[in-house]
C-alpha atoms as a PDB file:
ATOM      1  CA  UNK A   1      90.548  95.841 226.307  1.00  0.00           C
ATOM      2  CA  UNK A   2      88.440  95.942 223.043  1.00  0.00           C
ATOM      3  CA  UNK A   3      88.632  93.227 220.356  1.00  0.00           C
ATOM      4  CA  UNK A   4      88.355  93.373 216.950  1.00  0.00           C
ATOM      5  CA  UNK A   5      87.702  90.588 214.098  1.00  0.00           C
ATOM      6  CA  UNK A   6      89.971  89.719 211.577  1.00  0.00           C
ATOM      7  CA  UNK A   7      91.449  87.087 209.397  1.00  0.00           C
ATOM      8  CA  UNK A   8      94.871  85.282 210.324  1.00  0.00           C
ATOM      9  CA  UNK A   9      96.882  84.435 207.311  1.00  0.00           C
ATOM     10  CA  UNK A  10     100.524  82.369 207.995  1.00  0.00           C
ATOM     11  CA  UNK A  11     103.151  80.865 205.664  1.00  0.00           C
ATOM     12  CA  UNK A  12     101.489  77.472 205.703  1.00  0.00           C
ATOM     13  CA  UNK A  13      99.304  78.267 202.598  1.00  0.00           C
ATOM     14  CA  UNK A  14      96.199  76.984 204.244  1.00  0.00           C
ATOM     15  CA  UNK A  15      93.110  78.624 204.891  1.00  0.00           C
ATOM     16  CA  UNK A  16      93.006  82.025 207.086  1.00  0.00           C
ATOM     17  CA  UNK A  17      91.824  81.735 210.575  1.00  0.00           C
ATOM     18  CA  UNK A  18      88.928  83.853 211.615  1.00  0.00           C
ATOM     19  CA  UNK A  19      90.347  85.312 215.212  1.00  0.00           C
ATOM     20  CA  UNK A  20      89.661  88.150 217.183  1.00  0.00           C
ATOM     21  CA  UNK A  21      92.770  90.793 217.879  1.00  0.00           C
ATOM     22  CA  UNK A  22      93.299  93.511 220.756  1.00  0.00           C
ATOM     23  CA  UNK A  23      95.669  96.170 220.615  1.00  0.00           C
ATOM     24  CA  UNK A  24      98.106  96.290 223.675  1.00  0.00           C
ATOM     25  CA  UNK A  25     101.349  98.073 224.941  1.00  0.00           C
ATOM     26  CA  UNK A  26     103.069  98.250 222.012  1.00  0.00           C
ATOM     27  CA  UNK A  27     101.689  94.809 220.143  1.00  0.00           C
ATOM     28  CA  UNK A  28      98.577  93.423 218.438  1.00  0.00           C
ATOM     29  CA  UNK A  29      97.809  90.786 220.163  1.00  0.00           C
ATOM     30  CA  UNK A  30      95.611  87.545 218.993  1.00  0.00           C
ATOM     31  CA  UNK A  31      93.146  86.566 221.440  1.00  0.00           C
ATOM     32  CA  UNK A  32      93.372  83.147 223.099  1.00  0.00           C
ATOM     33  CA  UNK A  33      97.220  83.068 221.907  1.00  0.00           C
ATOM     34  CA  UNK A  34     100.331  84.138 223.236  1.00  0.00           C
ATOM     35  CA  UNK A  35     101.164  85.520 219.864  1.00  0.00           C
ATOM     36  CA  UNK A  36     101.719  89.159 219.631  1.00  0.00           C
ATOM     37  CA  UNK A  37     103.542  91.233 216.689  1.00  0.00           C
ATOM     38  CA  UNK A  38     105.180  94.568 218.030  1.00  0.00           C
ATOM     39  CA  UNK A  39     104.030  97.712 216.419  1.00  0.00           C
ATOM     40  CA  UNK A  40     107.771  98.172 214.713  1.00  0.00           C
ATOM     41  CA  UNK A  41     107.373  94.823 212.766  1.00  0.00           C
ATOM     42  CA  UNK A  42     104.077  95.616 211.048  1.00  0.00           C
ATOM     43  CA  UNK A  43     103.497  97.576 207.798  1.00  0.00           C
ATOM     44  CA  UNK A  44      99.630  98.480 206.722  1.00  0.00           C
ATOM     45  CA  UNK A  45      98.339  97.944 203.789  1.00  0.00           C
ATOM     46  CA  UNK A  46      94.819  99.358 201.869  1.00  0.00           C
ATOM     47  CA  UNK A  47      93.092  97.010 199.666  1.00  0.00           C
ATOM     48  CA  UNK A  48      89.851  95.074 198.827  1.00  0.00           C
ATOM     49  CA  UNK A  49      87.193  95.598 196.114  1.00  0.00           C
ATOM     50  CA  UNK A  50      85.910  99.032 197.468  1.00  0.00           C
ATOM     51  CA  UNK A  51      89.431  99.874 199.148  1.00  0.00           C
ATOM     52  CA  UNK A  52      87.628  99.133 202.329  1.00  0.00           C
ATOM     53  CA  UNK A  53      89.897  96.391 203.719  1.00  0.00           C
ATOM     54  CA  UNK A  54      93.275  96.508 205.496  1.00  0.00           C
ATOM     55  CA  UNK A  55      96.108  94.064 205.908  1.00  0.00           C
ATOM     56  CA  UNK A  56      98.657  94.315 208.420  1.00  0.00           C
ATOM     57  CA  UNK A  57     101.993  92.457 207.584  1.00  0.00           C
ATOM     58  CA  UNK A  58     104.977  91.047 209.750  1.00  0.00           C
ATOM     59  CA  UNK A  59     107.670  90.224 207.169  1.00  0.00           C
ATOM     60  CA  UNK A  60     109.722  88.934 209.887  1.00  0.00           C
ATOM     61  CA  UNK A  61     107.294  86.404 211.559  1.00  0.00           C
ATOM     62  CA  UNK A  62     105.769  85.600 207.549  1.00  0.00           C
ATOM     63  CA  UNK A  63     102.121  86.343 208.967  1.00  0.00           C
ATOM     64  CA  UNK A  64      99.133  88.948 208.077  1.00  0.00           C
ATOM     65  CA  UNK A  65      96.001  90.044 209.903  1.00  0.00           C
ATOM     66  CA  UNK A  66      93.416  91.148 207.301  1.00  0.00           C
ATOM     67  CA  UNK A  67      90.420  93.238 208.653  1.00  0.00           C
ATOM     68  CA  UNK A  68      87.507  95.245 207.882  1.00  0.00           C
ATOM     69  CA  UNK A  69      86.896  96.806 211.187  1.00  0.00           C
ATOM     70  CA  UNK A  70      87.954 100.758 211.430  1.00  0.00           C
ATOM     71  CA  UNK A  71      87.736 100.557 215.042  1.00  0.00           C
ATOM     72  CA  UNK A  72      90.707  98.543 214.687  1.00  0.00           C
ATOM     73  CA  UNK A  73      92.681 101.548 212.616  1.00  0.00           C
ATOM     74  CA  UNK A  74      91.491 103.976 215.367  1.00  0.00           C
ATOM     75  CA  UNK A  75      92.686 101.832 218.085  1.00  0.00           C
ATOM     76  CA  UNK A  76      96.114 101.159 216.066  1.00  0.00           C
ATOM     77  CA  UNK A  77      96.507 105.122 215.491  1.00  0.00           C
ATOM     78  CA  UNK A  78      95.644 106.065 219.275  1.00  0.00           C
ATOM     79  CA  UNK A  79      98.259 103.158 220.534  1.00  0.00           C
ATOM     80  CA  UNK A  80     101.063 103.700 218.157  1.00  0.00           C
ATOM     81  CA  UNK A  81     100.585 107.504 217.739  1.00  0.00           C
ATOM     82  CA  UNK A  82     104.012 109.110 216.700  1.00  0.00           C
ATOM     83  CA  UNK A  83     105.234 106.104 215.178  1.00  0.00           C
ATOM     84  CA  UNK A  84     105.394 105.104 211.855  1.00  0.00           C
ATOM     85  CA  UNK A  85     102.654 102.414 212.418  1.00  0.00           C
ATOM     86  CA  UNK A  86      99.872 104.931 213.791  1.00  0.00           C
ATOM     87  CA  UNK A  87     100.667 107.347 211.070  1.00  0.00           C
ATOM     88  CA  UNK A  88      99.641 104.464 208.102  1.00  0.00           C
ATOM     89  CA  UNK A  89      96.574 103.840 210.779  1.00  0.00           C
ATOM     90  CA  UNK A  90      95.565 107.267 210.681  1.00  0.00           C
ATOM     91  CA  UNK A  91      96.173 107.897 207.106  1.00  0.00           C
ATOM     92  CA  UNK A  92      94.579 104.430 206.343  1.00  0.00           C
ATOM     93  CA  UNK A  93      91.595 105.236 208.090  1.00  0.00           C
ATOM     94  CA  UNK A  94      91.172 108.417 206.059  1.00  0.00           C
ATOM     95  CA  UNK A  95      91.427 106.993 202.869  1.00  0.00           C
ATOM     96  CA  UNK A  96      88.789 104.397 204.087  1.00  0.00           C
ATOM     97  CA  UNK A  97      86.421 107.381 205.007  1.00  0.00           C
ATOM     98  CA  UNK A  98      87.017 108.865 201.941  1.00  0.00           C
ATOM     99  CA  UNK A  99      86.344 106.009 199.317  1.00  0.00           C
ATOM    100  CA  UNK A 100      83.321 104.467 201.367  1.00  0.00           C
ATOM    101  CA  UNK A 101      80.859 106.024 199.602  1.00  0.00           C
ATOM    102  CA  UNK A 102      78.430 103.478 200.283  1.00  0.00           C
ATOM    103  CA  UNK A 103      78.643 104.278 204.005  1.00  0.00           C
ATOM    104  CA  UNK A 104      75.917 106.365 205.554  1.00  0.00           C
ATOM    105  CA  UNK A 105      78.558 107.799 208.319  1.00  0.00           C
ATOM    106  CA  UNK A 106      80.382 109.001 205.192  1.00  0.00           C
ATOM    107  CA  UNK A 107      77.750 110.540 203.037  1.00  0.00           C
ATOM    108  CA  UNK A 108      76.492 112.291 206.479  1.00  0.00           C
ATOM    109  CA  UNK A 109      79.154 114.490 205.967  1.00  0.00           C
ATOM    110  CA  UNK A 110      78.704 115.448 202.479  1.00  0.00           C
ATOM    111  CA  UNK A 111      77.195 118.507 202.549  1.00  0.00           C
ATOM    112  CA  UNK A 112      76.705 121.692 200.719  1.00  0.00           C
ATOM    113  CA  UNK A 113      75.914 122.568 197.236  1.00  0.00           C
ATOM    114  CA  UNK A 114      79.318 122.287 196.074  1.00  0.00           C
ATOM    115  CA  UNK A 115      79.213 118.490 197.117  1.00  0.00           C
ATOM    116  CA  UNK A 116      75.883 117.990 195.864  1.00  0.00           C
ATOM    117  CA  UNK A 117      77.139 119.050 192.240  1.00  0.00           C
ATOM    118  CA  UNK A 118      80.244 117.106 192.178  1.00  0.00           C
ATOM    119  CA  UNK A 119      78.055 113.670 193.401  1.00  0.00           C
ATOM    120  CA  UNK A 120      75.523 114.574 190.238  1.00  0.00           C
ATOM    121  CA  UNK A 121      78.782 115.003 187.880  1.00  0.00           C
ATOM    122  CA  UNK A 122      80.263 111.941 189.022  1.00  0.00           C
ATOM    123  CA  UNK A 123      76.698 110.205 188.792  1.00  0.00           C
ATOM    124  CA  UNK A 124      76.420 111.576 185.238  1.00  0.00           C
ATOM    125  CA  UNK A 125      79.718 109.510 184.171  1.00  0.00           C
ATOM    126  CA  UNK A 126      78.471 106.102 183.672  1.00  0.00           C
ATOM    127  CA  UNK A 127      75.631 106.791 180.918  1.00  0.00           C
ATOM    128  CA  UNK A 128      77.859 109.393 179.325  1.00  0.00           C
ATOM    129  CA  UNK A 129      80.578 107.603 178.906  1.00  0.00           C
ATOM    130  CA  UNK A 130      78.382 104.570 177.717  1.00  0.00           C
ATOM    131  CA  UNK A 131      76.705 106.933 175.183  1.00  0.00           C
ATOM    132  CA  UNK A 132      80.084 108.189 173.895  1.00  0.00           C
ATOM    133  CA  UNK A 133      81.015 104.271 173.701  1.00  0.00           C
ATOM    134  CA  UNK A 134      78.018 103.555 171.623  1.00  0.00           C
ATOM    135  CA  UNK A 135      79.061 106.664 169.140  1.00  0.00           C
ATOM    136  CA  UNK A 136      82.381 104.725 168.119  1.00  0.00           C
ATOM    137  CA  UNK A 137      82.659 102.601 165.494  1.00  0.00           C
ATOM    138  CA  UNK A 138      84.177  99.110 166.303  1.00  0.00           C
ATOM    139  CA  UNK A 139      86.694  99.815 163.467  1.00  0.00           C
ATOM    140  CA  UNK A 140      87.649 103.066 164.948  1.00  0.00           C
ATOM    141  CA  UNK A 141      87.992 101.290 168.578  1.00  0.00           C
ATOM    142  CA  UNK A 142      90.601  98.976 166.664  1.00  0.00           C
ATOM    143  CA  UNK A 143      92.572 101.834 165.514  1.00  0.00           C
ATOM    144  CA  UNK A 144      92.524 103.264 168.879  1.00  0.00           C
ATOM    145  CA  UNK A 145      93.396 100.239 170.537  1.00  0.00           C
ATOM    146  CA  UNK A 146      96.365  99.558 168.186  1.00  0.00           C
ATOM    147  CA  UNK A 147      97.846 102.935 169.123  1.00  0.00           C
ATOM    148  CA  UNK A 148      97.463 102.397 172.557  1.00  0.00           C
ATOM    149  CA  UNK A 149      98.932  98.854 172.893  1.00  0.00           C
ATOM    150  CA  UNK A 150     101.965  99.493 170.830  1.00  0.00           C
ATOM    151  CA  UNK A 151     102.474  95.857 169.655  1.00  0.00           C
ATOM    152  CA  UNK A 152     105.456  96.440 167.670  1.00  0.00           C
ATOM    153  CA  UNK A 153     107.267  95.474 170.818  1.00  0.00           C
ATOM    154  CA  UNK A 154     105.615  92.670 172.175  1.00  0.00           C
ATOM    155  CA  UNK A 155     106.392  88.825 171.496  1.00  0.00           C
ATOM    156  CA  UNK A 156     105.294  87.507 168.518  1.00  0.00           C
ATOM    157  CA  UNK A 157     107.064  84.415 168.176  1.00  0.00           C
ATOM    158  CA  UNK A 158     108.115  82.572 171.341  1.00  0.00           C
ATOM    159  CA  UNK A 159     106.522  79.038 172.102  1.00  0.00           C
ATOM    160  CA  UNK A 160     104.293  81.343 174.695  1.00  0.00           C
ATOM    161  CA  UNK A 161     103.120  83.263 172.184  1.00  0.00           C
ATOM    162  CA  UNK A 162     102.128  80.356 170.221  1.00  0.00           C
ATOM    163  CA  UNK A 163     100.204  78.821 173.185  1.00  0.00           C
ATOM    164  CA  UNK A 164      98.553  81.999 174.114  1.00  0.00           C
ATOM    165  CA  UNK A 165      97.506  82.686 170.448  1.00  0.00           C
ATOM    166  CA  UNK A 166      95.993  79.151 170.002  1.00  0.00           C
ATOM    167  CA  UNK A 167      94.050  79.351 173.160  1.00  0.00           C
ATOM    168  CA  UNK A 168      92.907  82.811 172.223  1.00  0.00           C
ATOM    169  CA  UNK A 169      91.493  81.837 168.707  1.00  0.00           C
ATOM    170  CA  UNK A 170      89.908  78.568 170.182  1.00  0.00           C
ATOM    171  CA  UNK A 171      87.706  80.965 172.732  1.00  0.00           C
ATOM    172  CA  UNK A 172      87.093  83.768 170.570  1.00  0.00           C
ATOM    173  CA  UNK A 173      85.806  80.967 167.602  1.00  0.00           C
ATOM    174  CA  UNK A 174      82.646  80.693 170.024  1.00  0.00           C
ATOM    175  CA  UNK A 175      81.767  84.237 169.637  1.00  0.00           C
ATOM    176  CA  UNK A 176      78.098  84.355 167.600  1.00  0.00           C
ATOM    177  CA  UNK A 177      78.766  88.405 167.043  1.00  0.00           C
ATOM    178  CA  UNK A 178      82.237  89.655 167.293  1.00  0.00           C
ATOM    179  CA  UNK A 179      82.958  93.115 165.316  1.00  0.00           C
ATOM    180  CA  UNK A 180      86.608  92.480 166.215  1.00  0.00           C
ATOM    181  CA  UNK A 181      89.296  90.408 164.833  1.00  0.00           C
ATOM    182  CA  UNK A 182      91.309  89.775 168.119  1.00  0.00           C
ATOM    183  CA  UNK A 183      94.731  89.538 168.196  1.00  0.00           C
ATOM    184  CA  UNK A 184      97.044  87.877 171.118  1.00  0.00           C
ATOM    185  CA  UNK A 185     100.252  88.938 172.540  1.00  0.00           C
ATOM    186  CA  UNK A 186     102.891  87.790 175.005  1.00  0.00           C
ATOM    187  CA  UNK A 187     104.968  91.179 176.820  1.00  0.00           C
ATOM    188  CA  UNK A 188     108.246  90.043 179.056  1.00  0.00           C
ATOM    189  CA  UNK A 189     107.133  91.623 182.442  1.00  0.00           C
ATOM    190  CA  UNK A 190     107.120  89.571 185.783  1.00  0.00           C
ATOM    191  CA  UNK A 191     103.701  91.223 186.986  1.00  0.00           C
ATOM    192  CA  UNK A 192     101.289  88.789 187.218  1.00  0.00           C
ATOM    193  CA  UNK A 193      98.627  90.454 184.763  1.00  0.00           C
ATOM    194  CA  UNK A 194      96.684  90.206 181.568  1.00  0.00           C
ATOM    195  CA  UNK A 195      95.264  93.504 179.746  1.00  0.00           C
ATOM    196  CA  UNK A 196      92.340  93.705 176.782  1.00  0.00           C
ATOM    197  CA  UNK A 197      92.995  96.743 174.791  1.00  0.00           C
ATOM    198  CA  UNK A 198      89.924  98.241 172.927  1.00  0.00           C
ATOM    199  CA  UNK A 199      89.383  96.588 169.470  1.00  0.00           C
ATOM    200  CA  UNK A 200      90.634  93.264 170.244  1.00  0.00           C
ATOM    201  CA  UNK A 201      94.175  93.429 171.077  1.00  0.00           C
ATOM    202  CA  UNK A 202      95.024  91.143 174.315  1.00  0.00           C
ATOM    203  CA  UNK A 203      98.289  91.047 175.901  1.00  0.00           C
ATOM    204  CA  UNK A 204      99.214  88.352 178.659  1.00  0.00           C
ATOM    205  CA  UNK A 205     102.385  89.324 180.677  1.00  0.00           C
ATOM    206  CA  UNK A 206     105.108  86.528 180.740  1.00  0.00           C
ATOM    207  CA  UNK A 207     104.858  86.617 184.601  1.00  0.00           C
ATOM    208  CA  UNK A 208     101.179  85.446 184.360  1.00  0.00           C
ATOM    209  CA  UNK A 209     102.226  82.540 182.070  1.00  0.00           C
ATOM    210  CA  UNK A 210     104.785  80.956 184.270  1.00  0.00           C
ATOM    211  CA  UNK A 211     102.359  81.244 186.854  1.00  0.00           C
ATOM    212  CA  UNK A 212      99.240  79.393 185.782  1.00  0.00           C
ATOM    213  CA  UNK A 213      99.310  75.733 186.242  1.00  0.00           C
ATOM    214  CA  UNK A 214      97.651  74.665 183.063  1.00  0.00           C
ATOM    215  CA  UNK A 215      95.817  75.897 179.765  1.00  0.00           C
ATOM    216  CA  UNK A 216      92.574  75.624 181.848  1.00  0.00           C
ATOM    217  CA  UNK A 217      93.670  78.396 184.073  1.00  0.00           C
ATOM    218  CA  UNK A 218      95.131  80.318 181.186  1.00  0.00           C
ATOM    219  CA  UNK A 219      92.022  79.983 179.372  1.00  0.00           C
ATOM    220  CA  UNK A 220      90.021  81.359 182.314  1.00  0.00           C
ATOM    221  CA  UNK A 221      91.908  84.390 182.502  1.00  0.00           C
ATOM    222  CA  UNK A 222      91.927  85.328 178.739  1.00  0.00           C
ATOM    223  CA  UNK A 223      88.291  84.325 178.449  1.00  0.00           C
ATOM    224  CA  UNK A 224      87.528  86.982 180.942  1.00  0.00           C
ATOM    225  CA  UNK A 225      89.711  89.362 179.376  1.00  0.00           C
ATOM    226  CA  UNK A 226      87.748  88.662 175.951  1.00  0.00           C
ATOM    227  CA  UNK A 227      84.307  89.236 177.875  1.00  0.00           C
ATOM    228  CA  UNK A 228      85.661  92.527 178.953  1.00  0.00           C
ATOM    229  CA  UNK A 229      86.455  93.656 175.018  1.00  0.00           C
ATOM    230  CA  UNK A 230      83.145  92.228 173.714  1.00  0.00           C
ATOM    231  CA  UNK A 231      81.142  94.522 176.386  1.00  0.00           C
ATOM    232  CA  UNK A 232      83.466  97.380 175.514  1.00  0.00           C
ATOM    233  CA  UNK A 233      84.482  97.644 179.295  1.00  0.00           C
ATOM    234  CA  UNK A 234      87.826  98.889 178.749  1.00  0.00           C
ATOM    235  CA  UNK A 235      86.556 101.388 176.353  1.00  0.00           C
ATOM    236  CA  UNK A 236      83.668 102.640 178.807  1.00  0.00           C
ATOM    237  CA  UNK A 237      86.120 102.477 182.037  1.00  0.00           C
ATOM    238  CA  UNK A 238      88.796 104.632 180.072  1.00  0.00           C
ATOM    239  CA  UNK A 239      86.232 107.197 178.894  1.00  0.00           C
ATOM    240  CA  UNK A 240      84.159 107.246 182.631  1.00  0.00           C
ATOM    241  CA  UNK A 241      88.359 108.114 183.791  1.00  0.00           C
ATOM    242  CA  UNK A 242      88.821 110.749 181.345  1.00  0.00           C
ATOM    243  CA  UNK A 243      86.128 112.939 182.985  1.00  0.00           C
ATOM    244  CA  UNK A 244      82.955 114.902 182.115  1.00  0.00           C
ATOM    245  CA  UNK A 245      84.448 117.330 180.185  1.00  0.00           C
ATOM    246  CA  UNK A 246      86.141 115.288 177.891  1.00  0.00           C
ATOM    247  CA  UNK A 247      82.959 112.964 177.739  1.00  0.00           C
ATOM    248  CA  UNK A 248      80.529 116.194 176.731  1.00  0.00           C
ATOM    249  CA  UNK A 249      83.010 117.385 174.348  1.00  0.00           C
ATOM    250  CA  UNK A 250      82.999 114.071 172.294  1.00  0.00           C
ATOM    251  CA  UNK A 251      79.577 114.147 172.343  1.00  0.00           C
ATOM    252  CA  UNK A 252      78.998 117.794 171.178  1.00  0.00           C
ATOM    253  CA  UNK A 253      81.814 117.347 168.343  1.00  0.00           C
ATOM    254  CA  UNK A 254      81.028 113.425 167.332  1.00  0.00           C
ATOM    255  CA  UNK A 255      83.162 110.710 167.702  1.00  0.00           C
ATOM    256  CA  UNK A 256      85.638 109.132 164.251  1.00  0.00           C
ATOM    257  CA  UNK A 257      87.084 112.611 162.497  1.00  0.00           C
ATOM    258  CA  UNK A 258      90.552 112.124 161.885  1.00  0.00           C
ATOM    259  CA  UNK A 259      91.948 114.190 164.884  1.00  0.00           C
ATOM    260  CA  UNK A 260      89.879 111.867 167.355  1.00  0.00           C
ATOM    261  CA  UNK A 261      91.872 108.941 167.820  1.00  0.00           C
ATOM    262  CA  UNK A 262      94.875 111.389 168.966  1.00  0.00           C
ATOM    263  CA  UNK A 263      92.776 113.108 170.946  1.00  0.00           C
ATOM    264  CA  UNK A 264      91.095 110.010 172.611  1.00  0.00           C
ATOM    265  CA  UNK A 265      94.963 108.314 173.059  1.00  0.00           C
ATOM    266  CA  UNK A 266      95.773 111.363 174.931  1.00  0.00           C
ATOM    267  CA  UNK A 267      92.694 111.659 177.128  1.00  0.00           C
ATOM    268  CA  UNK A 268      93.319 107.910 178.277  1.00  0.00           C
ATOM    269  CA  UNK A 269      96.754 108.314 178.679  1.00  0.00           C
ATOM    270  CA  UNK A 270      96.245 111.192 181.391  1.00  0.00           C
ATOM    271  CA  UNK A 271      93.430 109.385 183.281  1.00  0.00           C
ATOM    272  CA  UNK A 272      94.862 106.072 184.047  1.00  0.00           C
ATOM    273  CA  UNK A 273      96.812 102.941 182.401  1.00  0.00           C
ATOM    274  CA  UNK A 274      94.508 100.563 180.785  1.00  0.00           C
ATOM    275  CA  UNK A 275      96.537  97.761 182.626  1.00  0.00           C
ATOM    276  CA  UNK A 276      95.340  99.369 186.172  1.00  0.00           C
ATOM    277  CA  UNK A 277      91.267  99.806 185.090  1.00  0.00           C
ATOM    278  CA  UNK A 278      89.228  98.883 188.051  1.00  0.00           C
ATOM    279  CA  UNK A 279      86.139  97.221 186.660  1.00  0.00           C
ATOM    280  CA  UNK A 280      82.576  97.347 188.476  1.00  0.00           C
ATOM    281  CA  UNK A 281      81.162  94.205 190.054  1.00  0.00           C
ATOM    282  CA  UNK A 282      78.234  94.231 187.259  1.00  0.00           C
ATOM    283  CA  UNK A 283      80.997  94.950 184.636  1.00  0.00           C
ATOM    284  CA  UNK A 284      83.188  91.837 186.037  1.00  0.00           C
ATOM    285  CA  UNK A 285      79.931  89.536 186.089  1.00  0.00           C
ATOM    286  CA  UNK A 286      79.597  90.176 182.533  1.00  0.00           C
ATOM    287  CA  UNK A 287      83.061  89.132 181.873  1.00  0.00           C
ATOM    288  CA  UNK A 288      82.806  86.265 184.063  1.00  0.00           C
ATOM    289  CA  UNK A 289      79.899  84.633 182.235  1.00  0.00           C
ATOM    290  CA  UNK A 290      80.690  85.865 179.151  1.00  0.00           C
ATOM    291  CA  UNK A 291      84.209  84.346 179.004  1.00  0.00           C
ATOM    292  CA  UNK A 292      82.879  81.251 181.307  1.00  0.00           C
ATOM    293  CA  UNK A 293      80.467  80.312 178.366  1.00  0.00           C
ATOM    294  CA  UNK A 294      83.490  80.767 175.770  1.00  0.00           C
ATOM    295  CA  UNK A 295      85.053  78.391 177.708  1.00  0.00           C
ATOM    296  CA  UNK A 296      82.955  75.630 177.899  1.00  0.00           C
ATOM    297  CA  UNK A 297      81.797  75.694 174.309  1.00  0.00           C
ATOM    298  CA  UNK A 298      85.541  75.525 173.674  1.00  0.00           C
ATOM    299  CA  UNK A 299      85.972  72.525 175.687  1.00  0.00           C
ATOM    300  CA  UNK A 300      87.562  73.261 178.639  1.00  0.00           C
ATOM    301  CA  UNK A 301      86.707  72.976 182.220  1.00  0.00           C
ATOM    302  CA  UNK A 302      85.400  76.117 183.160  1.00  0.00           C
ATOM    303  CA  UNK A 303      86.753  76.608 186.723  1.00  0.00           C
ATOM    304  CA  UNK A 304      90.525  77.614 185.595  1.00  0.00           C
ATOM    305  CA  UNK A 305      89.651  81.126 186.415  1.00  0.00           C
ATOM    306  CA  UNK A 306      88.657  80.671 190.278  1.00  0.00           C
ATOM    307  CA  UNK A 307      91.292  78.252 191.165  1.00  0.00           C
ATOM    308  CA  UNK A 308      93.992  80.249 189.646  1.00  0.00           C
ATOM    309  CA  UNK A 309      92.931  83.308 191.782  1.00  0.00           C
ATOM    310  CA  UNK A 310      92.375  80.713 195.315  1.00  0.00           C
ATOM    311  CA  UNK A 311      96.284  80.183 194.482  1.00  0.00           C
ATOM    312  CA  UNK A 312      97.128  83.710 193.618  1.00  0.00           C
ATOM    313  CA  UNK A 313      95.265  84.770 197.172  1.00  0.00           C
ATOM    314  CA  UNK A 314      96.820  82.129 199.176  1.00  0.00           C
ATOM    315  CA  UNK A 315     100.238  82.939 197.894  1.00  0.00           C
ATOM    316  CA  UNK A 316      99.787  86.548 198.188  1.00  0.00           C
ATOM    317  CA  UNK A 317      98.637  86.365 201.685  1.00  0.00           C
ATOM    318  CA  UNK A 318     102.408  84.146 202.708  1.00  0.00           C
ATOM    319  CA  UNK A 319     104.216  86.582 200.665  1.00  0.00           C
ATOM    320  CA  UNK A 320     103.132  90.256 202.610  1.00  0.00           C
ATOM    321  CA  UNK A 321     103.420  93.307 201.181  1.00  0.00           C
ATOM    322  CA  UNK A 322     106.225  92.055 198.651  1.00  0.00           C
ATOM    323  CA  UNK A 323     103.874  90.482 196.531  1.00  0.00           C
ATOM    324  CA  UNK A 324     101.840  93.801 195.943  1.00  0.00           C
ATOM    325  CA  UNK A 325     103.866  94.832 192.535  1.00  0.00           C
ATOM    326  CA  UNK A 326     103.224  91.275 191.144  1.00  0.00           C
ATOM    327  CA  UNK A 327      99.727  90.024 191.739  1.00  0.00           C
ATOM    328  CA  UNK A 328      98.141  92.782 189.643  1.00  0.00           C
ATOM    329  CA  UNK A 329      95.648  90.817 188.664  1.00  0.00           C
ATOM    330  CA  UNK A 330      94.185  90.329 192.195  1.00  0.00           C
ATOM    331  CA  UNK A 331      93.675  94.251 192.626  1.00  0.00           C
ATOM    332  CA  UNK A 332      92.016  94.723 189.509  1.00  0.00           C
ATOM    333  CA  UNK A 333      89.768  91.972 189.160  1.00  0.00           C
ATOM    334  CA  UNK A 334      89.709  90.809 192.952  1.00  0.00           C
ATOM    335  CA  UNK A 335      87.679  87.561 193.354  1.00  0.00           C
ATOM    336  CA  UNK A 336      85.140  87.924 196.280  1.00  0.00           C
ATOM    337  CA  UNK A 337      82.886  85.101 197.618  1.00  0.00           C
ATOM    338  CA  UNK A 338      80.072  86.310 195.666  1.00  0.00           C
ATOM    339  CA  UNK A 339      81.712  86.294 192.544  1.00  0.00           C
ATOM    340  CA  UNK A 340      83.204  83.113 192.696  1.00  0.00           C
ATOM    341  CA  UNK A 341      79.614  81.740 194.086  1.00  0.00           C
ATOM    342  CA  UNK A 342      77.720  83.312 190.585  1.00  0.00           C
ATOM    343  CA  UNK A 343      80.761  81.672 188.152  1.00  0.00           C
ATOM    344  CA  UNK A 344      80.219  78.162 190.019  1.00  0.00           C
ATOM    345  CA  UNK A 345      76.424  78.274 189.611  1.00  0.00           C
ATOM    346  CA  UNK A 346      76.690  79.043 186.105  1.00  0.00           C
ATOM    347  CA  UNK A 347      79.241  76.796 185.238  1.00  0.00           C
ATOM    348  CA  UNK A 348      76.844  73.762 186.375  1.00  0.00           C
ATOM    349  CA  UNK A 349      74.340  75.518 184.014  1.00  0.00           C
ATOM    350  CA  UNK A 350      76.708  75.358 181.054  1.00  0.00           C
ATOM    351  CA  UNK A 351      77.869  72.363 181.476  1.00  0.00           C
ATOM    352  CA  UNK A 352      74.527  70.513 181.594  1.00  0.00           C
ATOM    353  CA  UNK A 353      73.773  72.989 178.236  1.00  0.00           C
ATOM    354  CA  UNK A 354      77.294  71.564 176.210  1.00  0.00           C
ATOM    355  CA  UNK A 355      77.153  68.103 177.961  1.00  0.00           C
ATOM    356  CA  UNK A 356      77.885  66.914 174.297  1.00  0.00           C
ATOM    357  CA  UNK A 357      81.144  68.996 173.720  1.00  0.00           C
ATOM    358  CA  UNK A 358      84.594  66.645 174.354  1.00  0.00           C
ATOM    359  CA  UNK A 359      86.629  67.772 176.718  1.00  0.00           C
ATOM    360  CA  UNK A 360      90.293  69.402 175.906  1.00  0.00           C
ATOM    361  CA  UNK A 361      93.599  67.189 176.855  1.00  0.00           C
END
């Protein structure tokens, strides 16, 4: 019987165990133990930064098995054929195959003139969206952000609003070149998330405020979002999602006319919710490093983002699939080991450079 590498999570909240699993008759077995999960108790979810990781959740036993081994999906699809799990495994395998753009076997199947044209068009989107973004004046970007964010219904008076505004102003005061007047708001939403809109509007959900343990963790999340604004990542990604035709249209017609804000607002709304944008690894790194510098200069510890994400990951693993709607921050800004290592290395350097900055109490 074949074995597959995976990580095993239980309700203890401890770090996951690296295990070998097997697909038996009607069960998923953990090698070296008597533990097994019946097929009918398993729900399969696909996630990860590249959409190539899947999770097998058993709510009844409050455990989860996470793996990136597609051979395990093949085995589940065959062994559980005709069941709900079998259908989920087959669908997940197909989905991962489509998203595995760096996988040689995937690209080997992408042949023909039509596929080549599609790939070329996609590769053109990054430079095109960046080109359109440089054409948009910051003042025009502010107007666009105001139209998209709809801040009139957001919290501007509560204690939470004052806390978010105070931290946000402390962070943005450290910016040397800032074309935006940052504004901070609180949204009553249990989803654990924060969102930066073009032009410097930053919205923190009440669910995130309830989950952070201190101001250092909150500053870590907020400074990262400020970094996305400064690098215009939200604007670039939204333009990227609008597609090739929209970008070419804006380049040929110019940006900034009377009807362009409405045109962009409609395109962004059709492309994707700004709260759900997935940034590239390079963009996440830029936002991390910019935000980290602001934190340290403002007197915060700087390790709040990592500690917050580590705690969320443990809680998500313990809760299983029911956590998916709540932990939105993990799906849009996943904290990989490489990303955490870069932050920690940069934090050491910044602490040495800013040793004279008084820590906040």
